[in-house]
Amino acid sequence: YNPNAKRMAEMIQAEWAKVGVKAEIVSFEWGEYLKRTAGGEQDAYLLGGSSDNGDPDNMLSYLLSCDGVKGGSTRSRWCDPAFEKLLQDGRVAADPKQRADIYARAQAILKVEVPVAPIAHSVVAIPIRKSVLNYVLDPFGRQNFAAVDMAE
């Protein structure tokens, strides 16, 4: 989802410079980067990820919950009580329409507050020969070959 973070950072730096924002790009080894961003040492950062279950709470809570500020997953250090209440309500709502409404309201807060700025969306492509039979593409990236066979 981000094959060249350095280039992306340079592009952002150039755009910010156009509006008078000076930014220094600082790179670290991956483990050190995760430690420092979890600790809140940065003013801005780049980080990518993919949801592994399709539920809106999967990414919203991990990346933006108030508990995540303490735990290090909310690297933006943003904590909004109204947003947090919606996350909590969404986790326990059983009715799909009610959950959709709750998460739509949570996303409306994100649109105003902008604690994160999604830049790119990954596309999963899995090339398969015509001779491969019964392979089903999983929307969450899991590879299940249990029913796969090869044509003669």
N, C-alpha and C. Protein backbone atom coordinates (compact mmCIF):
# COMPACT_ATOMS: atom_id res chain seq x y z
N TYR A 1 0.80 -1.20 0.00
CA TYR A 1 0.00 0.00 0.00
C TYR A 1 0.84 1.26 0.00
N ASN A 2 2.12 1.15 0.26
CA ASN A 2 3.00 2.30 0.15
C ASN A 2 4.39 1.82 -0.23
N PRO A 3 4.61 1.61 -1.51
CA PRO A 3 5.89 1.04 -1.93
C PRO A 3 7.09 1.98 -1.77
N ASN A 4 6.85 3.29 -1.62
CA ASN A 4 7.96 4.22 -1.51
C ASN A 4 7.60 5.35 -0.54
N ALA A 5 7.72 5.08 0.75
CA ALA A 5 7.35 6.06 1.77
C ALA A 5 8.20 7.32 1.69
N LYS A 6 9.47 7.15 1.35
CA LYS A 6 10.36 8.33 1.25
C LYS A 6 9.86 9.28 0.17
N ARG A 7 9.51 8.74 -0.98
CA ARG A 7 9.00 9.58 -2.07
C ARG A 7 7.68 10.24 -1.66
N MET A 8 6.81 9.49 -0.99
CA MET A 8 5.55 10.06 -0.54
C MET A 8 5.81 11.21 0.43
N ALA A 9 6.74 11.03 1.35
CA ALA A 9 7.09 12.08 2.31
C ALA A 9 7.62 13.32 1.58
N GLU A 10 8.43 13.11 0.57
CA GLU A 10 8.97 14.23 -0.20
C GLU A 10 7.86 14.99 -0.93
N MET A 11 6.89 14.27 -1.44
CA MET A 11 5.77 14.92 -2.13
C MET A 11 4.93 15.73 -1.15
N ILE A 12 4.69 15.18 0.03
CA ILE A 12 3.94 15.90 1.06
C ILE A 12 4.73 17.14 1.50
N GLN A 13 6.01 16.97 1.71
CA GLN A 13 6.88 18.08 2.11
C GLN A 13 6.79 19.22 1.08
N ALA A 14 6.83 18.88 -0.19
CA ALA A 14 6.76 19.89 -1.26
C ALA A 14 5.41 20.60 -1.25
N GLU A 15 4.34 19.86 -1.05
CA GLU A 15 3.00 20.48 -1.01
C GLU A 15 2.87 21.39 0.20
N TRP A 16 3.35 20.95 1.35
CA TRP A 16 3.29 21.78 2.56
C TRP A 16 4.10 23.05 2.38
N ALA A 17 5.25 22.96 1.71
CA ALA A 17 6.09 24.14 1.49
C ALA A 17 5.34 25.21 0.70
N LYS A 18 4.46 24.80 -0.19
CA LYS A 18 3.68 25.75 -0.99
C LYS A 18 2.77 26.62 -0.13
N VAL A 19 2.39 26.11 1.05
CA VAL A 19 1.53 26.89 1.95
C VAL A 19 2.30 27.38 3.18
N GLY A 20 3.62 27.35 3.09
CA GLY A 20 4.45 27.92 4.15
C GLY A 20 4.79 27.01 5.30
N VAL A 21 4.53 25.73 5.17
CA VAL A 21 4.86 24.78 6.25
C VAL A 21 6.19 24.12 5.92
N LYS A 22 7.17 24.31 6.80
CA LYS A 22 8.48 23.68 6.62
C LYS A 22 8.47 22.35 7.36
N ALA A 23 8.89 21.31 6.69
CA ALA A 23 8.93 19.98 7.30
C ALA A 23 10.26 19.32 7.02
N GLU A 24 10.80 18.68 8.03
CA GLU A 24 12.02 17.90 7.89
C GLU A 24 11.64 16.43 7.86
N ILE A 25 12.15 15.70 6.89
CA ILE A 25 11.89 14.27 6.80
C ILE A 25 12.97 13.54 7.59
N VAL A 26 12.52 12.74 8.54
CA VAL A 26 13.43 11.96 9.38
C VAL A 26 13.05 10.50 9.24
N SER A 27 14.00 9.66 8.90
CA SER A 27 13.74 8.22 8.74
C SER A 27 14.45 7.43 9.83
N PHE A 28 13.84 6.33 10.21
CA PHE A 28 14.40 5.41 11.20
C PHE A 28 14.23 3.98 10.70
N GLU A 29 14.98 3.08 11.27
CA GLU A 29 14.76 1.64 11.07
C GLU A 29 13.33 1.36 11.54
N TRP A 30 12.66 0.38 10.93
CA TRP A 30 11.24 0.14 11.13
C TRP A 30 10.85 -0.02 12.61
N GLY A 31 11.55 -0.84 13.34
CA GLY A 31 11.23 -1.05 14.76
C GLY A 31 11.36 0.23 15.56
N GLU A 32 12.40 0.98 15.29
CA GLU A 32 12.61 2.26 15.97
C GLU A 32 11.52 3.26 15.59
N TYR A 33 11.14 3.25 14.32
CA TYR A 33 10.08 4.14 13.84
C TYR A 33 8.77 3.85 14.57
N LEU A 34 8.42 2.57 14.68
CA LEU A 34 7.18 2.21 15.37
C LEU A 34 7.23 2.62 16.84
N LYS A 35 8.36 2.41 17.48
CA LYS A 35 8.51 2.79 18.89
C LYS A 35 8.35 4.30 19.07
N ARG A 36 9.02 5.06 18.23
CA ARG A 36 8.98 6.53 18.36
C ARG A 36 7.60 7.10 18.03
N THR A 37 6.95 6.58 16.99
CA THR A 37 5.63 7.10 16.66
C THR A 37 4.59 6.67 17.69
N ALA A 38 4.73 5.48 18.25
CA ALA A 38 3.81 5.04 19.32
C ALA A 38 3.98 5.93 20.55
N GLY A 39 5.19 6.41 20.77
CA GLY A 39 5.46 7.28 21.91
C GLY A 39 5.11 8.74 21.68
N GLY A 40 4.72 9.09 20.47
CA GLY A 40 4.28 10.45 20.19
C GLY A 40 5.39 11.46 19.95
N GLU A 41 6.54 11.01 19.49
CA GLU A 41 7.66 11.93 19.27
C GLU A 41 7.51 12.78 18.01
N GLN A 42 6.57 12.46 17.14
CA GLN A 42 6.47 13.09 15.83
C GLN A 42 5.37 14.15 15.79
N ASP A 43 5.54 15.08 14.86
CA ASP A 43 4.47 16.03 14.55
C ASP A 43 3.56 15.47 13.46
N ALA A 44 4.14 14.67 12.58
CA ALA A 44 3.41 14.00 11.51
C ALA A 44 4.15 12.72 11.18
N TYR A 45 3.45 11.77 10.61
CA TYR A 45 4.07 10.49 10.28
C TYR A 45 3.30 9.82 9.16
N LEU A 46 3.92 8.84 8.53
CA LEU A 46 3.27 8.01 7.52
C LEU A 46 3.20 6.59 8.05
N LEU A 47 2.05 5.97 7.89
CA LEU A 47 1.89 4.59 8.31
C LEU A 47 0.77 3.98 7.49
N GLY A 48 0.95 2.75 7.07
CA GLY A 48 -0.07 2.08 6.28
C GLY A 48 -0.61 0.86 6.99
N GLY A 49 -1.71 0.38 6.51
CA GLY A 49 -2.30 -0.82 7.08
C GLY A 49 -3.53 -1.23 6.30
N SER A 50 -3.99 -2.42 6.56
CA SER A 50 -5.19 -2.94 5.92
C SER A 50 -6.06 -3.60 6.98
N SER A 51 -7.35 -3.44 6.83
CA SER A 51 -8.28 -4.09 7.75
C SER A 51 -8.26 -5.59 7.50
N ASP A 52 -8.30 -6.35 8.56
CA ASP A 52 -8.26 -7.80 8.39
C ASP A 52 -9.61 -8.47 8.61
N ASN A 53 -10.67 -7.66 8.84
CA ASN A 53 -11.97 -8.31 9.02
C ASN A 53 -13.15 -7.56 8.41
N GLY A 54 -12.93 -6.38 7.86
CA GLY A 54 -14.01 -5.66 7.20
C GLY A 54 -14.94 -4.89 8.10
N ASP A 55 -14.83 -5.05 9.41
CA ASP A 55 -15.69 -4.33 10.34
C ASP A 55 -15.15 -2.91 10.52
N PRO A 56 -16.01 -1.89 10.49
CA PRO A 56 -15.51 -0.52 10.62
C PRO A 56 -14.76 -0.27 11.93
N ASP A 57 -15.11 -0.99 12.97
CA ASP A 57 -14.43 -0.79 14.25
C ASP A 57 -12.99 -1.26 14.20
N ASN A 58 -12.69 -2.19 13.32
CA ASN A 58 -11.34 -2.75 13.23
C ASN A 58 -10.28 -1.67 13.06
N MET A 59 -10.48 -0.76 12.14
CA MET A 59 -9.50 0.30 11.90
C MET A 59 -9.77 1.52 12.78
N LEU A 60 -11.02 1.90 12.94
CA LEU A 60 -11.32 3.12 13.68
C LEU A 60 -10.85 3.04 15.13
N SER A 61 -11.15 1.94 15.81
CA SER A 61 -10.73 1.83 17.21
C SER A 61 -9.22 1.70 17.33
N TYR A 62 -8.62 0.89 16.48
CA TYR A 62 -7.18 0.68 16.57
C TYR A 62 -6.42 1.98 16.33
N LEU A 63 -6.82 2.72 15.31
CA LEU A 63 -6.07 3.91 14.93
C LEU A 63 -6.48 5.18 15.66
N LEU A 64 -7.71 5.22 16.22
CA LEU A 64 -8.22 6.50 16.70
C LEU A 64 -8.91 6.49 18.06
N SER A 65 -8.86 5.39 18.78
CA SER A 65 -9.53 5.37 20.08
C SER A 65 -8.70 6.09 21.14
N CYS A 66 -9.38 6.57 22.16
CA CYS A 66 -8.67 7.22 23.28
C CYS A 66 -7.77 6.23 23.99
N ASP A 67 -8.20 4.97 24.13
CA ASP A 67 -7.34 3.95 24.74
C ASP A 67 -6.08 3.74 23.92
N GLY A 68 -6.19 3.90 22.61
CA GLY A 68 -5.04 3.74 21.73
C GLY A 68 -3.97 4.80 21.93
N VAL A 69 -4.36 5.96 22.46
CA VAL A 69 -3.37 7.00 22.76
C VAL A 69 -2.43 6.48 23.84
N LYS A 70 -3.02 5.88 24.88
CA LYS A 70 -2.20 5.33 25.97
C LYS A 70 -1.41 4.12 25.50
N GLY A 71 -2.03 3.29 24.67
CA GLY A 71 -1.39 2.05 24.23
C GLY A 71 -0.43 2.21 23.07
N GLY A 72 -0.48 3.33 22.38
CA GLY A 72 0.46 3.59 21.29
C GLY A 72 -0.07 3.34 19.90
N SER A 73 -1.28 2.80 19.75
CA SER A 73 -1.79 2.56 18.40
C SER A 73 -2.39 3.83 17.79
N THR A 74 -2.86 4.76 18.63
CA THR A 74 -3.38 6.03 18.14
C THR A 74 -2.21 7.00 18.06
N ARG A 75 -1.44 6.86 17.00
CA ARG A 75 -0.20 7.63 16.87
C ARG A 75 -0.44 9.11 16.66
N SER A 76 -1.64 9.49 16.25
CA SER A 76 -1.96 10.91 16.10
C SER A 76 -2.14 11.59 17.46
N ARG A 77 -2.28 10.81 18.51
CA ARG A 77 -2.48 11.30 19.89
C ARG A 77 -3.82 12.01 20.04
N TRP A 78 -4.73 11.78 19.12
CA TRP A 78 -6.03 12.42 19.12
C TRP A 78 -7.00 11.62 19.97
N CYS A 79 -7.76 12.29 20.81
CA CYS A 79 -8.78 11.63 21.63
C CYS A 79 -9.98 12.57 21.69
N ASP A 80 -11.10 12.12 21.16
CA ASP A 80 -12.32 12.92 21.14
C ASP A 80 -13.41 12.14 21.88
N PRO A 81 -13.91 12.67 23.00
CA PRO A 81 -14.91 11.93 23.79
C PRO A 81 -16.17 11.55 23.01
N ALA A 82 -16.66 12.44 22.14
CA ALA A 82 -17.87 12.12 21.37
C ALA A 82 -17.59 10.98 20.39
N PHE A 83 -16.45 11.02 19.75
CA PHE A 83 -16.05 9.95 18.83
C PHE A 83 -15.89 8.64 19.60
N GLU A 84 -15.23 8.70 20.74
CA GLU A 84 -15.00 7.51 21.57
C GLU A 84 -16.33 6.88 21.98
N LYS A 85 -17.30 7.71 22.34
CA LYS A 85 -18.63 7.20 22.74
C LYS A 85 -19.28 6.47 21.56
N LEU A 86 -19.14 7.00 20.38
CA LEU A 86 -19.70 6.32 19.20
C LEU A 86 -19.00 4.99 18.95
N LEU A 87 -17.68 4.94 19.12
CA LEU A 87 -16.97 3.67 18.97
C LEU A 87 -17.50 2.64 19.96
N GLN A 88 -17.66 3.07 21.19
CA GLN A 88 -18.16 2.14 22.22
C GLN A 88 -19.58 1.69 21.90
N ASP A 89 -20.44 2.60 21.45
CA ASP A 89 -21.80 2.23 21.07
C ASP A 89 -21.80 1.28 19.87
N GLY A 90 -20.94 1.54 18.91
CA GLY A 90 -20.86 0.70 17.72
C GLY A 90 -20.42 -0.72 18.02
N ARG A 91 -19.53 -0.86 18.99
CA ARG A 91 -19.04 -2.20 19.35
C ARG A 91 -20.14 -3.09 19.92
N VAL A 92 -21.12 -2.50 20.58
CA VAL A 92 -22.15 -3.32 21.24
C VAL A 92 -23.48 -3.34 20.49
N ALA A 93 -23.63 -2.52 19.47
CA ALA A 93 -24.88 -2.49 18.71
C ALA A 93 -25.00 -3.77 17.89
N ALA A 94 -26.15 -4.42 18.00
CA ALA A 94 -26.37 -5.68 17.28
C ALA A 94 -27.04 -5.46 15.93
N ASP A 95 -27.84 -4.42 15.82
CA ASP A 95 -28.59 -4.15 14.59
C ASP A 95 -27.66 -3.53 13.53
N PRO A 96 -27.53 -4.16 12.36
CA PRO A 96 -26.62 -3.65 11.32
C PRO A 96 -26.92 -2.21 10.89
N LYS A 97 -28.19 -1.86 10.78
CA LYS A 97 -28.54 -0.49 10.38
C LYS A 97 -28.13 0.51 11.46
N GLN A 98 -28.34 0.13 12.71
CA GLN A 98 -27.94 1.00 13.82
C GLN A 98 -26.42 1.17 13.84
N ARG A 99 -25.70 0.07 13.64
CA ARG A 99 -24.23 0.14 13.61
C ARG A 99 -23.77 1.04 12.47
N ALA A 100 -24.38 0.89 11.30
CA ALA A 100 -24.00 1.72 10.15
C ALA A 100 -24.21 3.19 10.47
N ASP A 101 -25.31 3.53 11.12
CA ASP A 101 -25.59 4.92 11.50
C ASP A 101 -24.56 5.43 12.51
N ILE A 102 -24.23 4.61 13.48
CA ILE A 102 -23.24 5.00 14.50
C ILE A 102 -21.89 5.28 13.85
N TYR A 103 -21.43 4.38 12.99
CA TYR A 103 -20.12 4.58 12.36
C TYR A 103 -20.15 5.72 11.34
N ALA A 104 -21.30 5.98 10.73
CA ALA A 104 -21.41 7.14 9.84
C ALA A 104 -21.25 8.43 10.64
N ARG A 105 -21.85 8.48 11.84
CA ARG A 105 -21.69 9.66 12.70
C ARG A 105 -20.24 9.79 13.17
N ALA A 106 -19.59 8.67 13.45
CA ALA A 106 -18.18 8.72 13.85
C ALA A 106 -17.33 9.28 12.70
N GLN A 107 -17.62 8.83 11.49
CA GLN A 107 -16.85 9.32 10.34
C GLN A 107 -17.13 10.79 10.06
N ALA A 108 -18.32 11.27 10.41
CA ALA A 108 -18.61 12.70 10.25
C ALA A 108 -17.71 13.53 11.18
N ILE A 109 -17.45 13.01 12.37
CA ILE A 109 -16.53 13.69 13.29
C ILE A 109 -15.13 13.70 12.69
N LEU A 110 -14.71 12.58 12.13
CA LEU A 110 -13.38 12.51 11.50
C LEU A 110 -13.25 13.53 10.37
N LYS A 111 -14.31 13.70 9.62
CA LYS A 111 -14.29 14.64 8.50
C LYS A 111 -14.05 16.07 8.97
N VAL A 112 -14.56 16.41 10.14
CA VAL A 112 -14.39 17.76 10.69
C VAL A 112 -13.05 17.90 11.40
N GLU A 113 -12.70 16.93 12.21
CA GLU A 113 -11.50 17.00 13.06
C GLU A 113 -10.21 16.67 12.31
N VAL A 114 -10.25 15.78 11.37
CA VAL A 114 -9.13 15.34 10.54
C VAL A 114 -7.88 14.95 11.36
N PRO A 115 -8.02 13.97 12.26
CA PRO A 115 -6.84 13.52 13.00
C PRO A 115 -5.91 12.65 12.16
N VAL A 116 -6.43 12.12 11.07
CA VAL A 116 -5.65 11.33 10.12
C VAL A 116 -6.07 11.76 8.72
N ALA A 117 -5.19 11.54 7.77
CA ALA A 117 -5.50 11.88 6.38
C ALA A 117 -5.13 10.70 5.50
N PRO A 118 -6.09 9.83 5.19
CA PRO A 118 -5.80 8.71 4.30
C PRO A 118 -5.30 9.23 2.95
N ILE A 119 -4.23 8.62 2.47
CA ILE A 119 -3.61 9.09 1.24
C ILE A 119 -3.80 8.11 0.09
N ALA A 120 -3.76 6.85 0.39
CA ALA A 120 -3.81 5.84 -0.67
C ALA A 120 -4.65 4.66 -0.23
N HIS A 121 -5.08 3.90 -1.20
CA HIS A 121 -5.85 2.69 -0.94
C HIS A 121 -5.21 1.55 -1.73
N SER A 122 -4.92 0.48 -1.05
CA SER A 122 -4.27 -0.64 -1.73
C SER A 122 -5.28 -1.48 -2.51
N VAL A 123 -4.80 -2.08 -3.56
CA VAL A 123 -5.61 -2.99 -4.36
C VAL A 123 -4.90 -4.34 -4.34
N VAL A 124 -5.65 -5.37 -4.02
CA VAL A 124 -5.07 -6.71 -3.98
C VAL A 124 -5.30 -7.38 -5.33
N ALA A 125 -4.24 -7.85 -5.92
CA ALA A 125 -4.33 -8.57 -7.19
C ALA A 125 -3.63 -9.91 -7.03
N ILE A 126 -4.30 -10.96 -7.41
CA ILE A 126 -3.71 -12.29 -7.32
C ILE A 126 -3.82 -12.93 -8.70
N PRO A 127 -2.70 -12.98 -9.43
CA PRO A 127 -2.75 -13.61 -10.75
C PRO A 127 -2.87 -15.13 -10.61
N ILE A 128 -3.74 -15.70 -11.42
CA ILE A 128 -3.99 -17.15 -11.35
C ILE A 128 -4.06 -17.69 -12.78
N ARG A 129 -3.39 -18.81 -13.00
CA ARG A 129 -3.47 -19.48 -14.30
C ARG A 129 -4.88 -20.01 -14.54
N LYS A 130 -5.22 -20.14 -15.78
CA LYS A 130 -6.53 -20.69 -16.13
C LYS A 130 -6.69 -22.12 -15.65
N SER A 131 -5.58 -22.81 -15.45
CA SER A 131 -5.64 -24.21 -15.02
C SER A 131 -5.94 -24.37 -13.53
N VAL A 132 -5.92 -23.27 -12.77
CA VAL A 132 -6.24 -23.35 -11.34
C VAL A 132 -7.76 -23.32 -11.19
N LEU A 133 -8.28 -24.30 -10.47
CA LEU A 133 -9.73 -24.43 -10.30
C LEU A 133 -10.13 -24.21 -8.84
N ASN A 134 -11.30 -23.65 -8.65
CA ASN A 134 -11.95 -23.52 -7.33
C ASN A 134 -11.25 -22.56 -6.37
N TYR A 135 -10.38 -21.70 -6.87
CA TYR A 135 -9.77 -20.72 -5.97
C TYR A 135 -10.75 -19.57 -5.78
N VAL A 136 -10.97 -19.18 -4.53
CA VAL A 136 -11.86 -18.07 -4.21
C VAL A 136 -11.03 -16.96 -3.56
N LEU A 137 -11.09 -15.77 -4.14
CA LEU A 137 -10.38 -14.62 -3.59
C LEU A 137 -11.07 -14.18 -2.30
N ASP A 138 -10.33 -14.14 -1.21
CA ASP A 138 -10.87 -13.73 0.08
C ASP A 138 -10.73 -12.22 0.23
N PRO A 139 -11.80 -11.51 0.60
CA PRO A 139 -11.72 -10.05 0.70
C PRO A 139 -10.78 -9.56 1.80
N PHE A 140 -10.37 -10.44 2.69
CA PHE A 140 -9.51 -10.04 3.80
C PHE A 140 -8.07 -10.50 3.62
N GLY A 141 -7.73 -11.01 2.45
CA GLY A 141 -6.35 -11.34 2.15
C GLY A 141 -5.87 -12.70 2.59
N ARG A 142 -6.76 -13.51 3.15
CA ARG A 142 -6.34 -14.86 3.55
C ARG A 142 -6.27 -15.75 2.32
N GLN A 143 -5.37 -16.69 2.34
CA GLN A 143 -5.22 -17.63 1.23
C GLN A 143 -5.70 -19.00 1.67
N ASN A 144 -6.81 -19.45 1.13
CA ASN A 144 -7.35 -20.76 1.47
C ASN A 144 -7.29 -21.64 0.22
N PHE A 145 -6.42 -22.63 0.28
CA PHE A 145 -6.23 -23.52 -0.87
C PHE A 145 -6.91 -24.88 -0.68
N ALA A 146 -7.78 -25.00 0.32
CA ALA A 146 -8.39 -26.28 0.65
C ALA A 146 -9.16 -26.88 -0.52
N ALA A 147 -9.86 -26.06 -1.29
CA ALA A 147 -10.68 -26.57 -2.39
C ALA A 147 -10.00 -26.42 -3.75
N VAL A 148 -8.79 -25.92 -3.78
CA VAL A 148 -8.11 -25.65 -5.04
C VAL A 148 -7.64 -26.94 -5.70
N ASP A 149 -7.79 -26.95 -7.01
CA ASP A 149 -7.35 -28.10 -7.80
C ASP A 149 -6.74 -27.56 -9.09
N MET A 150 -6.12 -28.44 -9.84
CA MET A 150 -5.52 -28.06 -11.12
C MET A 150 -6.22 -28.83 -12.24
N ALA A 151 -6.51 -28.13 -13.32
CA ALA A 151 -7.11 -28.78 -14.48
C ALA A 151 -6.07 -29.68 -15.14
N GLU A 152 -6.54 -30.72 -15.74
CA GLU A 152 -5.63 -31.66 -16.45
C GLU A 152 -5.10 -31.02 -17.69
